[in-house]
Amino acid sequence: MGTTVADYLRGLGPGLRPELPETTAGTLRLDAREDGRTEHWLLTIADQHVEVSRSAEDADLVVRADRSVFDEMATGHVHVSAALLRNDLTVQGDIRLLNLLRRIFPGPPGARHPRTVAREVMEGRTGVGGWGAPR
């Protein structure tokens, strides 16, 4: 099996996370259910830093899902918003903070930033022509 949510969260370093907004702060608790028990992870976000701890204390936003859903999010195979729309996860609290969770978890494997793709197109390094048309 690939990366689990536990592995991913343990691997989040204490450094600056520029993908997070500078002015947004809050706490998110992830409740991962598996085999009749729940594992709790508390993410405290402030000043583009994320502190991860194992705690069931109250949070501004609580996100609940089966552990397998969180594991898929940790590998980038499931997008937070898609999981919410499919009812694979539920949220309680300040839903505006859900966007932070989307930014903390990785994107799909092999995904590239649109600016990088555009730069490559302009330099003629991809098989895509102008306006996204195949060459």
C-alpha atoms as a PDB file:
ATOM      1  CA  MET A   1       0.000   0.000   0.000  1.00  0.00           C
ATOM      2  CA  GLY A   2       1.130   3.592  -0.601  1.00  0.00           C
ATOM      3  CA  THR A   3       1.262   6.482   1.794  1.00  0.00           C
ATOM      4  CA  THR A   4      -1.263   6.458   4.614  1.00  0.00           C
ATOM      5  CA  VAL A   5      -2.780   9.572   6.127  1.00  0.00           C
ATOM      6  CA  ALA A   6      -0.841   8.844   9.338  1.00  0.00           C
ATOM      7  CA  ASP A   7       2.453   8.681   7.408  1.00  0.00           C
ATOM      8  CA  TYR A   8       1.624  11.829   5.481  1.00  0.00           C
ATOM      9  CA  LEU A   9       0.643  13.865   8.545  1.00  0.00           C
ATOM     10  CA  ARG A  10       3.705  12.675  10.504  1.00  0.00           C
ATOM     11  CA  GLY A  11       5.849  13.773   7.570  1.00  0.00           C
ATOM     12  CA  LEU A  12       4.562  17.349   7.527  1.00  0.00           C
ATOM     13  CA  GLY A  13       7.542  19.355   8.634  1.00  0.00           C
ATOM     14  CA  PRO A  14       7.480  22.443  10.811  1.00  0.00           C
ATOM     15  CA  GLY A  15       8.557  24.709   7.944  1.00  0.00           C
ATOM     16  CA  LEU A  16       6.746  27.438   6.076  1.00  0.00           C
ATOM     17  CA  ARG A  17       3.957  26.277   3.739  1.00  0.00           C
ATOM     18  CA  PRO A  18       3.656  29.017   1.101  1.00  0.00           C
ATOM     19  CA  GLU A  19       0.578  27.360  -0.443  1.00  0.00           C
ATOM     20  CA  LEU A  20      -1.398  28.389   2.653  1.00  0.00           C
ATOM     21  CA  PRO A  21      -2.831  31.919   2.860  1.00  0.00           C
ATOM     22  CA  GLU A  22      -0.851  34.205   5.153  1.00  0.00           C
ATOM     23  CA  THR A  23      -3.891  35.570   6.968  1.00  0.00           C
ATOM     24  CA  THR A  24      -5.866  32.380   7.543  1.00  0.00           C
ATOM     25  CA  ALA A  25      -5.644  30.531  10.819  1.00  0.00           C
ATOM     26  CA  GLY A  26      -7.666  27.854  12.539  1.00  0.00           C
ATOM     27  CA  THR A  27      -7.801  24.323  13.834  1.00  0.00           C
ATOM     28  CA  LEU A  28      -8.937  21.265  11.900  1.00  0.00           C
ATOM     29  CA  ARG A  29      -9.545  17.868  13.411  1.00  0.00           C
ATOM     30  CA  LEU A  30      -9.505  14.809  11.187  1.00  0.00           C
ATOM     31  CA  ASP A  31     -11.509  11.862  12.520  1.00  0.00           C
ATOM     32  CA  ALA A  32     -10.470   8.750  10.617  1.00  0.00           C
ATOM     33  CA  ARG A  33     -12.767   5.765  11.223  1.00  0.00           C
ATOM     34  CA  GLU A  34     -11.589   2.182  10.808  1.00  0.00           C
ATOM     35  CA  ASP A  35     -12.796  -1.104  12.289  1.00  0.00           C
ATOM     36  CA  GLY A  36     -15.115   0.520  14.816  1.00  0.00           C
ATOM     37  CA  ARG A  37     -12.546   2.943  16.239  1.00  0.00           C
ATOM     38  CA  THR A  38     -11.624   6.519  15.403  1.00  0.00           C
ATOM     39  CA  GLU A  39      -8.156   8.013  15.083  1.00  0.00           C
ATOM     40  CA  HIS A  40      -7.964  11.781  15.726  1.00  0.00           C
ATOM     41  CA  TRP A  41      -5.489  14.238  14.208  1.00  0.00           C
ATOM     42  CA  LEU A  42      -5.485  17.914  15.156  1.00  0.00           C
ATOM     43  CA  LEU A  43      -3.995  20.406  12.701  1.00  0.00           C
ATOM     44  CA  THR A  44      -3.306  23.881  14.042  1.00  0.00           C
ATOM     45  CA  ILE A  45      -2.716  26.340  11.206  1.00  0.00           C
ATOM     46  CA  ALA A  46      -1.318  29.848  11.601  1.00  0.00           C
ATOM     47  CA  ASP A  47       1.148  32.071   9.752  1.00  0.00           C
ATOM     48  CA  GLN A  48       1.542  29.516   6.926  1.00  0.00           C
ATOM     49  CA  HIS A  49       2.666  26.823   9.378  1.00  0.00           C
ATOM     50  CA  VAL A  50       0.914  23.572  10.278  1.00  0.00           C
ATOM     51  CA  GLU A  51       1.341  21.889  13.642  1.00  0.00           C
ATOM     52  CA  VAL A  52       0.098  18.303  13.767  1.00  0.00           C
ATOM     53  CA  SER A  53      -0.807  16.463  16.957  1.00  0.00           C
ATOM     54  CA  ARG A  54      -2.886  13.482  18.004  1.00  0.00           C
ATOM     55  CA  SER A  55      -5.823  14.958  19.879  1.00  0.00           C
ATOM     56  CA  ALA A  56      -9.610  14.738  20.045  1.00  0.00           C
ATOM     57  CA  GLU A  57     -10.012  18.265  21.401  1.00  0.00           C
ATOM     58  CA  ASP A  58     -12.514  20.685  19.879  1.00  0.00           C
ATOM     59  CA  ALA A  59     -11.561  22.304  16.578  1.00  0.00           C
ATOM     60  CA  ASP A  60     -12.915  25.039  14.322  1.00  0.00           C
ATOM     61  CA  LEU A  61     -13.621  22.384  11.675  1.00  0.00           C
ATOM     62  CA  VAL A  62     -14.058  18.645  12.196  1.00  0.00           C
ATOM     63  CA  VAL A  63     -13.717  16.415   9.139  1.00  0.00           C
ATOM     64  CA  ARG A  64     -14.914  12.805   9.466  1.00  0.00           C
ATOM     65  CA  ALA A  65     -14.356   9.973   7.002  1.00  0.00           C
ATOM     66  CA  ASP A  66     -13.281   6.373   6.727  1.00  0.00           C
ATOM     67  CA  ARG A  67      -9.544   6.015   7.030  1.00  0.00           C
ATOM     68  CA  SER A  68      -9.371   4.746   3.439  1.00  0.00           C
ATOM     69  CA  VAL A  69     -10.743   8.103   2.206  1.00  0.00           C
ATOM     70  CA  PHE A  70      -8.071  10.009   4.128  1.00  0.00           C
ATOM     71  CA  ASP A  71      -5.424   7.592   2.823  1.00  0.00           C
ATOM     72  CA  GLU A  72      -6.536   8.313  -0.756  1.00  0.00           C
ATOM     73  CA  MET A  73      -6.404  12.050  -0.042  1.00  0.00           C
ATOM     74  CA  ALA A  74      -2.859  11.643   1.290  1.00  0.00           C
ATOM     75  CA  THR A  75      -1.777  10.086  -2.019  1.00  0.00           C
ATOM     76  CA  GLY A  76      -3.543  12.722  -4.119  1.00  0.00           C
ATOM     77  CA  HIS A  77      -5.983  10.228  -5.632  1.00  0.00           C
ATOM     78  CA  VAL A  78      -9.038  11.808  -3.968  1.00  0.00           C
ATOM     79  CA  HIS A  79      -9.750  15.545  -3.879  1.00  0.00           C
ATOM     80  CA  VAL A  80     -11.249  16.929  -0.664  1.00  0.00           C
ATOM     81  CA  SER A  81     -14.135  18.671  -2.463  1.00  0.00           C
ATOM     82  CA  ALA A  82     -14.983  15.591  -4.522  1.00  0.00           C
ATOM     83  CA  ALA A  83     -15.070  13.449  -1.370  1.00  0.00           C
ATOM     84  CA  LEU A  84     -17.388  15.972   0.269  1.00  0.00           C
ATOM     85  CA  LEU A  85     -19.747  16.023  -2.718  1.00  0.00           C
ATOM     86  CA  ARG A  86     -19.865  12.201  -2.777  1.00  0.00           C
ATOM     87  CA  ASN A  87     -20.604  12.142   0.974  1.00  0.00           C
ATOM     88  CA  ASP A  88     -17.390  10.192   1.544  1.00  0.00           C
ATOM     89  CA  LEU A  89     -16.571  12.720   4.246  1.00  0.00           C
ATOM     90  CA  THR A  90     -18.600  15.012   6.458  1.00  0.00           C
ATOM     91  CA  VAL A  91     -17.704  18.344   7.996  1.00  0.00           C
ATOM     92  CA  GLN A  92     -18.873  20.201  11.054  1.00  0.00           C
ATOM     93  CA  GLY A  93     -17.889  23.752  11.880  1.00  0.00           C
ATOM     94  CA  ASP A  94     -16.268  26.509   9.837  1.00  0.00           C
ATOM     95  CA  ILE A  95     -16.405  25.024   6.328  1.00  0.00           C
ATOM     96  CA  ARG A  96     -14.268  27.884   4.994  1.00  0.00           C
ATOM     97  CA  LEU A  97     -11.290  26.083   6.541  1.00  0.00           C
ATOM     98  CA  LEU A  98     -11.857  23.091   4.266  1.00  0.00           C
ATOM     99  CA  ASN A  99      -9.873  24.935   1.599  1.00  0.00           C
ATOM    100  CA  LEU A 100      -6.820  24.760   3.886  1.00  0.00           C
ATOM    101  CA  LEU A 101      -7.097  20.999   4.002  1.00  0.00           C
ATOM    102  CA  ARG A 102      -7.184  20.907   0.199  1.00  0.00           C
ATOM    103  CA  ARG A 103      -3.938  22.870   0.160  1.00  0.00           C
ATOM    104  CA  ILE A 104      -2.248  20.679   2.769  1.00  0.00           C
ATOM    105  CA  PHE A 105      -2.884  17.400   0.963  1.00  0.00           C
ATOM    106  CA  PRO A 106      -1.054  16.748  -2.319  1.00  0.00           C
ATOM    107  CA  GLY A 107      -2.583  17.090  -5.760  1.00  0.00           C
ATOM    108  CA  PRO A 108      -3.028  14.204  -8.191  1.00  0.00           C
ATOM    109  CA  PRO A 109       0.105  12.243  -9.107  1.00  0.00           C
ATOM    110  CA  GLY A 110       1.753  13.781 -12.142  1.00  0.00           C
ATOM    111  CA  ALA A 111      -0.226  17.018 -11.887  1.00  0.00           C
ATOM    112  CA  ARG A 112       1.530  20.197 -12.934  1.00  0.00           C
ATOM    113  CA  HIS A 113       0.790  23.810 -12.194  1.00  0.00           C
ATOM    114  CA  PRO A 114      -1.047  25.537 -15.080  1.00  0.00           C
ATOM    115  CA  ARG A 115       1.656  28.216 -15.301  1.00  0.00           C
ATOM    116  CA  THR A 116       4.301  25.534 -15.823  1.00  0.00           C
ATOM    117  CA  VAL A 117       2.260  23.956 -18.605  1.00  0.00           C
ATOM    118  CA  ALA A 118       1.682  27.355 -20.245  1.00  0.00           C
ATOM    119  CA  ARG A 119       5.397  28.141 -20.063  1.00  0.00           C
ATOM    120  CA  GLU A 120       6.214  24.814 -21.714  1.00  0.00           C
ATOM    121  CA  VAL A 121       3.630  25.417 -24.436  1.00  0.00           C
ATOM    122  CA  MET A 122       5.089  28.845 -25.147  1.00  0.00           C
ATOM    123  CA  GLU A 123       8.574  27.325 -25.342  1.00  0.00           C
ATOM    124  CA  GLY A 124       7.326  24.519 -27.598  1.00  0.00           C
ATOM    125  CA  ARG A 125       8.332  21.760 -25.161  1.00  0.00           C
ATOM    126  CA  THR A 126       5.025  19.872 -25.032  1.00  0.00           C
ATOM    127  CA  GLY A 127       2.838  18.032 -27.478  1.00  0.00           C
ATOM    128  CA  VAL A 128       0.125  20.634 -27.008  1.00  0.00           C
ATOM    129  CA  GLY A 129      -0.293  23.556 -29.363  1.00  0.00           C
ATOM    130  CA  GLY A 130      -1.574  27.005 -28.566  1.00  0.00           C
ATOM    131  CA  TRP A 131      -4.936  27.216 -26.792  1.00  0.00           C
ATOM    132  CA  GLY A 132      -4.559  23.603 -25.672  1.00  0.00           C
ATOM    133  CA  ALA A 133      -5.031  22.149 -29.156  1.00  0.00           C
ATOM    134  CA  PRO A 134      -2.997  19.049 -30.053  1.00  0.00           C
ATOM    135  CA  ARG A 135      -0.213  19.630 -32.527  1.00  0.00           C
END
